[in-house]
Amino acid sequence: MCNVEEYIEFLEFYNRLSSDDPLYENFTKKIVPSLIYEYNLPNGAKTNCYKCPFETCRIFFSRDYLLETHLVDQHYDEIPKGVFGIKDKFICEMCYCKFKSFKAFKSHKNNYDICEEMQINVLLNVFNRPVYKDQYVHEFRCDKCPFSLLCLEANGIIRGIDEIRKHLIPCYSQYRASKELFKINNKEVFINRRVNQLVEKGRLNRSDPLFDFFVDNILPSLVFETCVGSGWYICPFGLCGHIGNYDQLEYHLKNHHYDQLPFDLFGKKTEFKCFECLKLIQGFEAYKEHYDHCLFSKHFYFKYQNKLCDWMLFLFVKHKRISLNDPKFKTFKNQVLPSIVIEGRTSSGMVLKVFNCSFCKNYEVDPKSLVNHMKKKHSNEIPAGVFEIETRKRKLNE
């Protein structure tokens, strides 16, 4: 883990951050510390998560890279341009409209009723009843009023969807408005009732350091549905992306956010399942490292590899293990580093469990073995002394 100064040096090394930028001071003093250090409560308790540094946005994130993604997606005009990469296209996750400017995208999103659109889109996809080979009859019945309609689908085209949408928008708007108002007026009642239930069952302790954090930020997502009447509950941590019923959300929190919950809330757990490789990992800290590596190496291989290589190259240059003017610098940057920072992969995209040498067809089981192989077999092709470890002998007082 690096500190704030080292992270700023890293960004300046790759010309992603300049001291002449008008947002430089705010970025280095407020945003960078929130990316490096986990958020601690006023009572000193560790939440093991990261908080968005902007006061208008009180969102918590379970990983630092999720906060970084959030800053690019939601606060692109409030951070130095290009510090996390240049983004020239902004896409609405609900209607898939594309915008070239962040200002137009933000204006669109502020005027967009995501809950209503999500609710209607799901309702339009659930009433399928097969009739014969090429056609399906869709019978829709509104559960808020007596409205019903039969639609015919042929060759993938459904007739009657527009009529249903015209009905649903005013009907659900009125229903949601009344329910949302009831929920807002009685929010404290519902929250206190659930807290008392958890305390009586012995699952929650009022003296727990994370008690207030849990009640204010996590419990509302377990009490209230994300859309009234939908039956969905969404994970309270930003960009986590999990949506499911109550039992699924409870299992998700227990498996993915175990260290961000009050002690023994959902029972003690020592084994955690990685849903990428289906392995059982002992200990939550080991599970977090394994899951992040497994997720990125499987779905974001090249982006993950480039990010690790950039950081490793910065450390090599900073500690004077290699010079930018070295004739073998490009070979080291483009061939040697990518082979030792992450496992190799096949042409089909399958991640291998070995590290392959960039100069020959030799495979090793870990980076240390691959470095030893390069020092013995390819010492003439890598910069001199780049992998040498300085040993310091303690002088004994005679």
Protein backbone atom coordinates (compact mmCIF):
# COMPACT_ATOMS: atom_id res chain seq x y z
CA MET A 1 0.00 0.00 0.00
CA CYS A 2 1.38 3.44 -0.98
CA ASN A 3 1.00 6.78 0.75
CA VAL A 4 -0.46 10.03 -0.63
CA GLU A 5 2.89 11.53 -1.68
CA GLU A 6 3.93 8.38 -3.53
CA TYR A 7 0.59 8.16 -5.36
CA ILE A 8 0.91 11.81 -6.48
CA GLU A 9 4.47 11.09 -7.69
CA PHE A 10 3.11 8.13 -9.67
CA LEU A 11 0.49 10.30 -11.43
CA GLU A 12 3.05 13.03 -12.17
CA PHE A 13 5.55 10.44 -13.47
CA TYR A 14 3.10 9.50 -16.26
CA ASN A 15 2.03 13.15 -16.83
CA ARG A 16 -1.51 12.45 -15.67
CA LEU A 17 -1.37 15.22 -13.10
CA SER A 18 0.13 18.70 -13.30
CA SER A 19 0.64 21.25 -10.54
CA ASP A 20 -0.61 23.95 -12.96
CA ASP A 21 -4.08 22.40 -13.08
CA PRO A 22 -6.66 24.59 -11.23
CA LEU A 23 -8.08 21.45 -9.57
CA TYR A 24 -4.65 20.24 -8.40
CA GLU A 25 -4.85 21.45 -4.80
CA ASN A 26 -8.36 20.13 -4.17
CA PHE A 27 -7.46 16.79 -5.80
CA THR A 28 -4.25 16.23 -3.81
CA LYS A 29 -5.67 17.34 -0.44
CA LYS A 30 -9.18 15.84 -0.49
CA ILE A 31 -9.58 13.24 -3.24
CA VAL A 32 -6.26 11.37 -3.13
CA PRO A 33 -6.43 10.64 0.65
CA SER A 34 -9.92 9.18 0.19
CA LEU A 35 -8.51 6.84 -2.50
CA ILE A 36 -5.55 5.73 -0.36
CA TYR A 37 -6.98 5.46 3.14
CA GLU A 38 -10.13 3.69 4.26
CA TYR A 39 -12.81 5.81 5.90
CA ASN A 40 -12.84 5.83 9.71
CA LEU A 41 -15.85 6.81 11.80
CA PRO A 42 -15.70 9.77 14.25
CA ASN A 43 -15.40 7.24 17.11
CA GLY A 44 -12.25 5.81 15.49
CA ALA A 45 -13.86 2.56 14.26
CA LYS A 46 -12.64 1.22 10.91
CA THR A 47 -15.32 0.74 8.25
CA ASN A 48 -12.96 -1.10 5.85
CA CYS A 49 -14.48 0.84 2.95
CA TYR A 50 -13.88 4.05 1.03
CA LYS A 51 -16.11 7.13 1.00
CA CYS A 52 -16.67 9.57 -1.84
CA PRO A 53 -14.90 12.81 -0.83
CA PHE A 54 -17.60 15.10 -2.23
CA GLU A 55 -20.07 16.34 0.40
CA THR A 56 -23.07 16.07 -1.95
CA CYS A 57 -22.34 12.37 -2.50
CA ARG A 58 -22.37 10.16 0.61
CA ILE A 59 -21.64 6.83 -1.06
CA PHE A 60 -19.41 4.12 0.41
CA PHE A 61 -17.36 1.71 -1.73
CA SER A 62 -15.92 -1.63 -0.75
CA ARG A 63 -12.81 -1.24 -2.97
CA ASP A 64 -10.64 1.71 -3.98
CA TYR A 65 -10.95 0.97 -7.71
CA LEU A 66 -14.75 1.25 -7.43
CA LEU A 67 -14.37 4.73 -5.94
CA GLU A 68 -12.01 5.62 -8.78
CA THR A 69 -14.61 4.45 -11.32
CA HIS A 70 -17.30 6.44 -9.51
CA LEU A 71 -15.20 9.63 -9.67
CA VAL A 72 -14.81 9.23 -13.43
CA ASP A 73 -18.50 8.44 -14.01
CA GLN A 74 -20.12 10.97 -11.66
CA HIS A 75 -17.52 13.68 -10.94
CA TYR A 76 -15.58 13.84 -14.20
CA ASP A 77 -15.72 17.65 -14.30
CA GLU A 78 -14.55 17.97 -10.68
CA ILE A 79 -11.24 16.09 -11.04
CA PRO A 80 -8.19 17.01 -13.17
CA LYS A 81 -8.74 15.98 -16.78
CA GLY A 82 -7.03 12.72 -17.70
CA VAL A 83 -5.89 11.84 -14.18
CA PHE A 84 -7.72 8.48 -14.43
CA GLY A 85 -7.77 8.39 -18.20
CA ILE A 86 -9.63 10.45 -20.79
CA LYS A 87 -13.27 9.57 -21.36
CA ASP A 88 -14.91 10.85 -24.54
CA LYS A 89 -18.18 8.94 -24.36
CA PHE A 90 -20.73 8.75 -21.55
CA ILE A 91 -23.48 6.11 -21.70
CA CYS A 92 -26.67 6.05 -19.63
CA GLU A 93 -26.98 2.60 -18.05
CA MET A 94 -30.78 2.60 -18.34
CA CYS A 95 -31.62 3.86 -21.84
CA TYR A 96 -28.12 3.43 -23.38
CA CYS A 97 -28.14 6.99 -24.77
CA LYS A 98 -24.63 8.18 -25.67
CA PHE A 99 -23.29 11.63 -24.86
CA LYS A 100 -20.04 13.25 -25.96
CA SER A 101 -19.94 15.77 -23.11
CA PHE A 102 -20.22 15.10 -19.39
CA LYS A 103 -22.43 18.16 -18.94
CA ALA A 104 -25.11 16.77 -21.30
CA PHE A 105 -24.87 13.34 -19.65
CA LYS A 106 -25.29 14.81 -16.17
CA SER A 107 -28.30 16.87 -17.25
CA HIS A 108 -29.90 13.78 -18.80
CA LYS A 109 -29.37 11.70 -15.68
CA ASN A 110 -30.75 14.35 -13.33
CA ASN A 111 -34.03 14.37 -15.27
CA TYR A 112 -34.27 10.60 -15.63
CA ASP A 113 -36.55 8.44 -13.47
CA ILE A 114 -34.40 5.32 -13.22
CA CYS A 115 -36.64 3.49 -10.75
CA GLU A 116 -39.75 3.92 -12.87
CA GLU A 117 -38.04 2.90 -16.11
CA MET A 118 -36.41 -0.13 -14.46
CA GLN A 119 -39.73 -1.25 -12.99
CA ILE A 120 -41.59 -0.95 -16.32
CA ASN A 121 -38.86 -2.69 -18.36
CA VAL A 122 -38.91 -5.70 -16.03
CA LEU A 123 -42.71 -5.92 -16.06
CA LEU A 124 -42.70 -5.97 -19.86
CA ASN A 125 -40.37 -8.99 -19.92
CA VAL A 126 -42.09 -11.38 -17.50
CA PHE A 127 -45.49 -12.22 -18.99
CA ASN A 128 -44.54 -14.83 -21.64
CA ARG A 129 -46.84 -17.74 -22.46
CA PRO A 130 -46.00 -19.95 -25.52
CA VAL A 131 -48.89 -20.75 -27.91
CA TYR A 132 -47.37 -22.28 -31.01
CA LYS A 133 -44.08 -22.43 -32.89
CA ASP A 134 -43.53 -18.90 -34.19
CA GLN A 135 -45.92 -16.84 -32.09
CA TYR A 136 -46.37 -16.07 -28.38
CA VAL A 137 -49.32 -14.50 -26.64
CA HIS A 138 -48.40 -12.13 -23.82
CA GLU A 139 -51.12 -11.59 -21.27
CA PHE A 140 -50.44 -8.58 -19.12
CA ARG A 141 -52.41 -7.80 -15.96
CA CYS A 142 -51.61 -4.70 -13.95
CA ASP A 143 -51.35 -5.61 -10.26
CA LYS A 144 -52.33 -2.08 -9.20
CA CYS A 145 -55.65 -1.81 -11.12
CA PRO A 146 -58.01 -4.03 -13.23
CA PHE A 147 -56.23 -3.19 -16.52
CA SER A 148 -55.31 -6.21 -18.72
CA LEU A 149 -54.19 -6.68 -22.33
CA LEU A 150 -53.30 -9.53 -24.71
CA CYS A 151 -50.30 -8.94 -26.99
CA LEU A 152 -49.16 -11.05 -29.95
CA GLU A 153 -45.48 -11.61 -30.69
CA ALA A 154 -44.31 -12.75 -34.11
CA ASN A 155 -40.70 -12.90 -35.32
CA GLY A 156 -39.47 -11.17 -32.19
CA ILE A 157 -41.83 -8.16 -32.52
CA ILE A 158 -44.43 -7.62 -29.78
CA ARG A 159 -47.57 -5.66 -30.63
CA GLY A 160 -49.29 -3.87 -27.81
CA ILE A 161 -46.23 -2.85 -25.76
CA ASP A 162 -46.88 0.86 -26.43
CA GLU A 163 -50.40 0.56 -25.01
CA ILE A 164 -49.05 -1.12 -21.87
CA ARG A 165 -46.35 1.52 -21.43
CA LYS A 166 -48.91 4.33 -21.79
CA HIS A 167 -50.90 2.73 -18.98
CA LEU A 168 -48.00 1.87 -16.71
CA ILE A 169 -46.32 5.28 -16.59
CA PRO A 170 -49.22 7.20 -14.96
CA CYS A 171 -50.47 4.18 -12.98
CA TYR A 172 -47.11 3.32 -11.42
CA SER A 173 -46.17 6.96 -10.95
CA GLN A 174 -49.25 7.51 -8.82
CA TYR A 175 -48.74 4.23 -6.93
CA ARG A 176 -45.05 4.89 -6.28
CA ALA A 177 -45.67 8.49 -5.23
CA SER A 178 -48.12 7.43 -2.50
CA LYS A 179 -45.89 4.56 -1.32
CA GLU A 180 -42.71 6.65 -1.36
CA LEU A 181 -44.42 9.36 0.69
CA PHE A 182 -45.57 6.73 3.22
CA LYS A 183 -42.04 5.29 3.38
CA ILE A 184 -40.43 8.70 3.92
CA ASN A 185 -42.89 9.66 6.66
CA ASN A 186 -42.41 6.36 8.50
CA LYS A 187 -38.72 5.67 7.75
CA GLU A 188 -37.56 5.97 11.37
CA VAL A 189 -40.38 3.68 12.54
CA PHE A 190 -39.36 0.89 10.12
CA ILE A 191 -35.64 1.27 10.88
CA ASN A 192 -36.14 1.26 14.68
CA ARG A 193 -38.42 -1.77 14.43
CA ARG A 194 -35.78 -3.75 12.51
CA VAL A 195 -33.02 -2.64 14.90
CA ASN A 196 -35.06 -3.83 17.90
CA GLN A 197 -35.66 -7.20 16.19
CA LEU A 198 -31.94 -7.69 15.52
CA VAL A 199 -31.02 -6.68 19.08
CA GLU A 200 -33.60 -9.03 20.61
CA LYS A 201 -32.27 -11.93 18.54
CA GLY A 202 -28.72 -11.16 19.66
CA ARG A 203 -27.49 -10.45 16.12
CA LEU A 204 -26.76 -6.77 16.75
CA ASN A 205 -25.11 -5.06 19.69
CA ARG A 206 -25.72 -1.36 20.34
CA SER A 207 -22.21 -0.99 21.75
CA ASP A 208 -20.63 -2.23 18.51
CA PRO A 209 -18.32 0.46 16.97
CA LEU A 210 -20.06 0.01 13.60
CA PHE A 211 -23.60 0.20 15.01
CA ASP A 212 -24.36 3.77 13.83
CA PHE A 213 -22.67 3.18 10.48
CA PHE A 214 -24.77 0.06 9.92
CA VAL A 215 -28.07 1.72 10.91
CA ASP A 216 -27.49 4.85 8.80
CA ASN A 217 -25.96 3.37 5.64
CA ILE A 218 -26.60 -0.39 5.36
CA LEU A 219 -29.85 -1.22 7.18
CA PRO A 220 -32.10 0.96 4.93
CA SER A 221 -31.19 -1.22 1.95
CA LEU A 222 -32.31 -4.30 3.92
CA VAL A 223 -35.59 -2.67 4.98
CA PHE A 224 -36.74 -0.87 1.82
CA GLU A 225 -36.94 -2.21 -1.71
CA THR A 226 -35.03 -0.31 -4.38
CA CYS A 227 -38.32 0.16 -6.28
CA VAL A 228 -41.58 0.07 -4.34
CA GLY A 229 -43.42 -3.18 -5.08
CA SER A 230 -40.55 -4.69 -7.09
CA GLY A 231 -39.25 -7.18 -4.51
CA TRP A 232 -35.65 -6.13 -5.27
CA TYR A 233 -33.04 -5.10 -2.74
CA ILE A 234 -29.84 -3.44 -3.88
CA CYS A 235 -26.42 -3.55 -2.22
CA PRO A 236 -25.78 -0.27 -0.32
CA PHE A 237 -22.13 -0.11 -1.41
CA GLY A 238 -21.54 1.95 -4.53
CA LEU A 239 -21.00 0.22 -7.90
CA CYS A 240 -21.23 -3.20 -6.29
CA GLY A 241 -24.01 -3.98 -8.74
CA HIS A 242 -25.80 -6.69 -6.74
CA ILE A 243 -29.60 -6.71 -7.02
CA GLY A 244 -31.74 -9.57 -5.71
CA ASN A 245 -34.34 -10.61 -3.19
CA TYR A 246 -33.79 -10.18 0.56
CA ASP A 247 -32.11 -13.58 1.11
CA GLN A 248 -29.77 -13.03 -1.84
CA LEU A 249 -28.75 -9.59 -0.56
CA GLU A 250 -28.14 -10.95 2.94
CA TYR A 251 -25.92 -13.73 1.52
CA HIS A 252 -24.11 -11.22 -0.68
CA LEU A 253 -23.32 -8.93 2.26
CA LYS A 254 -22.13 -11.87 4.32
CA ASN A 255 -19.86 -13.16 1.54
CA HIS A 256 -18.55 -9.92 -0.04
CA HIS A 257 -18.74 -7.29 2.74
CA TYR A 258 -18.09 -9.36 5.86
CA ASP A 259 -15.56 -6.92 7.39
CA GLN A 260 -17.83 -3.90 6.80
CA LEU A 261 -20.66 -5.23 8.98
CA PRO A 262 -21.11 -5.29 12.78
CA PHE A 263 -19.58 -8.31 14.45
CA ASP A 264 -21.59 -11.55 14.11
CA LEU A 265 -24.55 -9.84 12.38
CA PHE A 266 -25.25 -12.77 10.04
CA GLY A 267 -23.31 -15.38 12.00
CA LYS A 268 -19.61 -16.24 12.15
CA LYS A 269 -17.99 -17.24 8.87
CA THR A 270 -14.46 -18.43 8.12
CA GLU A 271 -14.86 -19.76 4.54
CA PHE A 272 -15.73 -17.50 1.62
CA LYS A 273 -16.64 -18.65 -1.88
CA CYS A 274 -15.14 -17.00 -4.95
CA PHE A 275 -17.84 -16.90 -7.65
CA GLU A 276 -15.25 -16.52 -10.41
CA CYS A 277 -13.35 -19.79 -9.82
CA LEU A 278 -15.73 -21.42 -7.25
CA LYS A 279 -12.91 -21.94 -4.73
CA LEU A 280 -13.39 -21.76 -0.97
CA ILE A 281 -10.95 -19.31 0.63
CA GLN A 282 -10.07 -19.30 4.34
CA GLY A 283 -10.18 -15.83 5.93
CA PHE A 284 -11.84 -12.71 4.53
CA GLU A 285 -8.64 -10.74 3.89
CA ALA A 286 -7.23 -13.58 1.79
CA TYR A 287 -10.58 -13.86 0.04
CA LYS A 288 -10.62 -10.16 -0.93
CA GLU A 289 -7.17 -10.33 -2.50
CA HIS A 290 -8.01 -13.58 -4.28
CA TYR A 291 -11.38 -12.38 -5.58
CA ASP A 292 -10.06 -9.06 -6.91
CA HIS A 293 -7.17 -10.76 -8.69
CA CYS A 294 -9.45 -13.49 -10.05
CA LEU A 295 -12.05 -10.97 -11.26
CA PHE A 296 -9.60 -8.67 -13.04
CA SER A 297 -7.43 -11.39 -14.54
CA LYS A 298 -10.52 -13.10 -15.95
CA HIS A 299 -12.58 -10.15 -17.25
CA PHE A 300 -10.17 -7.19 -17.47
CA TYR A 301 -6.87 -8.93 -18.21
CA PHE A 302 -5.05 -6.33 -20.33
CA LYS A 303 -6.30 -3.34 -18.32
CA TYR A 304 -5.22 -5.07 -15.10
CA GLN A 305 -1.85 -6.02 -16.59
CA ASN A 306 -1.16 -2.47 -17.80
CA LYS A 307 -2.09 -1.00 -14.42
CA LEU A 308 0.28 -3.35 -12.55
CA CYS A 309 3.06 -2.75 -15.07
CA ASP A 310 2.73 1.04 -14.75
CA TRP A 311 3.03 0.86 -10.99
CA MET A 312 5.96 -1.59 -11.05
CA LEU A 313 7.86 0.50 -13.61
CA PHE A 314 7.36 3.62 -11.49
CA LEU A 315 8.83 1.83 -8.44
CA PHE A 316 11.82 0.53 -10.42
CA VAL A 317 12.63 4.04 -11.68
CA LYS A 318 12.00 5.69 -8.30
CA HIS A 319 14.34 3.34 -6.45
CA LYS A 320 16.96 3.76 -9.22
CA ARG A 321 16.95 0.13 -10.29
CA ILE A 322 16.65 1.20 -13.93
CA SER A 323 17.22 4.40 -15.89
CA LEU A 324 14.93 5.84 -18.55
CA ASN A 325 18.00 6.21 -20.78
CA ASP A 326 18.98 2.55 -20.48
CA PRO A 327 19.14 0.94 -23.99
CA LYS A 328 17.21 -2.07 -22.66
CA PHE A 329 14.50 0.05 -21.02
CA LYS A 330 11.89 -0.59 -23.75
CA THR A 331 12.52 -4.34 -23.66
CA PHE A 332 12.13 -4.35 -19.91
CA LYS A 333 8.92 -2.27 -20.07
CA ASN A 334 7.21 -4.09 -22.96
CA GLN A 335 8.35 -7.71 -22.47
CA VAL A 336 9.87 -8.42 -19.06
CA LEU A 337 7.43 -6.62 -16.74
CA PRO A 338 4.19 -7.95 -18.34
CA SER A 339 5.46 -11.51 -17.97
CA ILE A 340 6.15 -11.26 -14.21
CA VAL A 341 3.25 -9.15 -12.88
CA ILE A 342 0.38 -11.46 -13.87
CA GLU A 343 -0.20 -15.00 -15.10
CA GLY A 344 -0.09 -15.68 -18.82
CA ARG A 345 -3.13 -16.43 -20.94
CA THR A 346 -3.91 -18.42 -24.08
CA SER A 347 -5.00 -16.96 -27.44
CA SER A 348 -8.59 -17.94 -26.58
CA GLY A 349 -8.49 -15.80 -23.42
CA MET A 350 -8.17 -18.55 -20.78
CA VAL A 351 -5.96 -17.47 -17.87
CA LEU A 352 -3.09 -19.87 -17.16
CA LYS A 353 -1.77 -20.65 -13.69
CA VAL A 354 1.86 -20.12 -14.73
CA PHE A 355 4.18 -17.26 -15.63
CA ASN A 356 5.75 -17.56 -19.07
CA CYS A 357 9.16 -16.19 -20.04
CA SER A 358 9.03 -13.48 -22.73
CA PHE A 359 12.32 -14.66 -24.30
CA CYS A 360 11.78 -18.42 -24.46
CA LYS A 361 9.01 -20.97 -23.95
CA ASN A 362 9.90 -21.69 -20.35
CA TYR A 363 7.09 -21.62 -17.74
CA GLU A 364 7.40 -21.02 -14.00
CA VAL A 365 4.86 -21.39 -11.19
CA ASP A 366 5.52 -17.98 -9.57
CA PRO A 367 7.14 -14.62 -10.42
CA LYS A 368 10.17 -15.23 -8.18
CA SER A 369 11.08 -18.41 -10.07
CA LEU A 370 10.65 -16.58 -13.40
CA VAL A 371 12.95 -13.75 -12.25
CA ASN A 372 15.62 -16.31 -11.23
CA HIS A 373 15.26 -17.98 -14.64
CA MET A 374 15.78 -14.64 -16.45
CA LYS A 375 18.82 -13.80 -14.34
CA LYS A 376 20.43 -17.14 -15.22
CA LYS A 377 19.40 -17.62 -18.85
CA HIS A 378 18.77 -14.10 -20.19
CA SER A 379 21.08 -11.82 -18.21
CA ASN A 380 22.30 -10.20 -21.44
CA GLU A 381 18.77 -9.20 -22.49
CA ILE A 382 17.64 -7.45 -19.29
CA PRO A 383 19.09 -4.26 -17.71
CA ALA A 384 22.05 -4.99 -15.45
CA GLY A 385 21.24 -5.22 -11.75
CA VAL A 386 17.54 -4.51 -12.19
CA PHE A 387 16.56 -7.52 -10.07
CA GLU A 388 19.44 -7.37 -7.62
CA ILE A 389 18.46 -7.04 -3.95
CA GLU A 390 20.65 -4.91 -1.74
CA THR A 391 21.63 -6.75 1.41
CA ARG A 392 22.55 -4.81 4.47
CA LYS A 393 24.64 -6.50 7.11
CA ARG A 394 24.30 -5.28 10.64
CA LYS A 395 27.61 -4.27 12.14
CA LEU A 396 28.32 -5.96 15.42
CA ASN A 397 29.77 -3.81 18.17
CA GLU A 398 33.02 -5.29 19.36
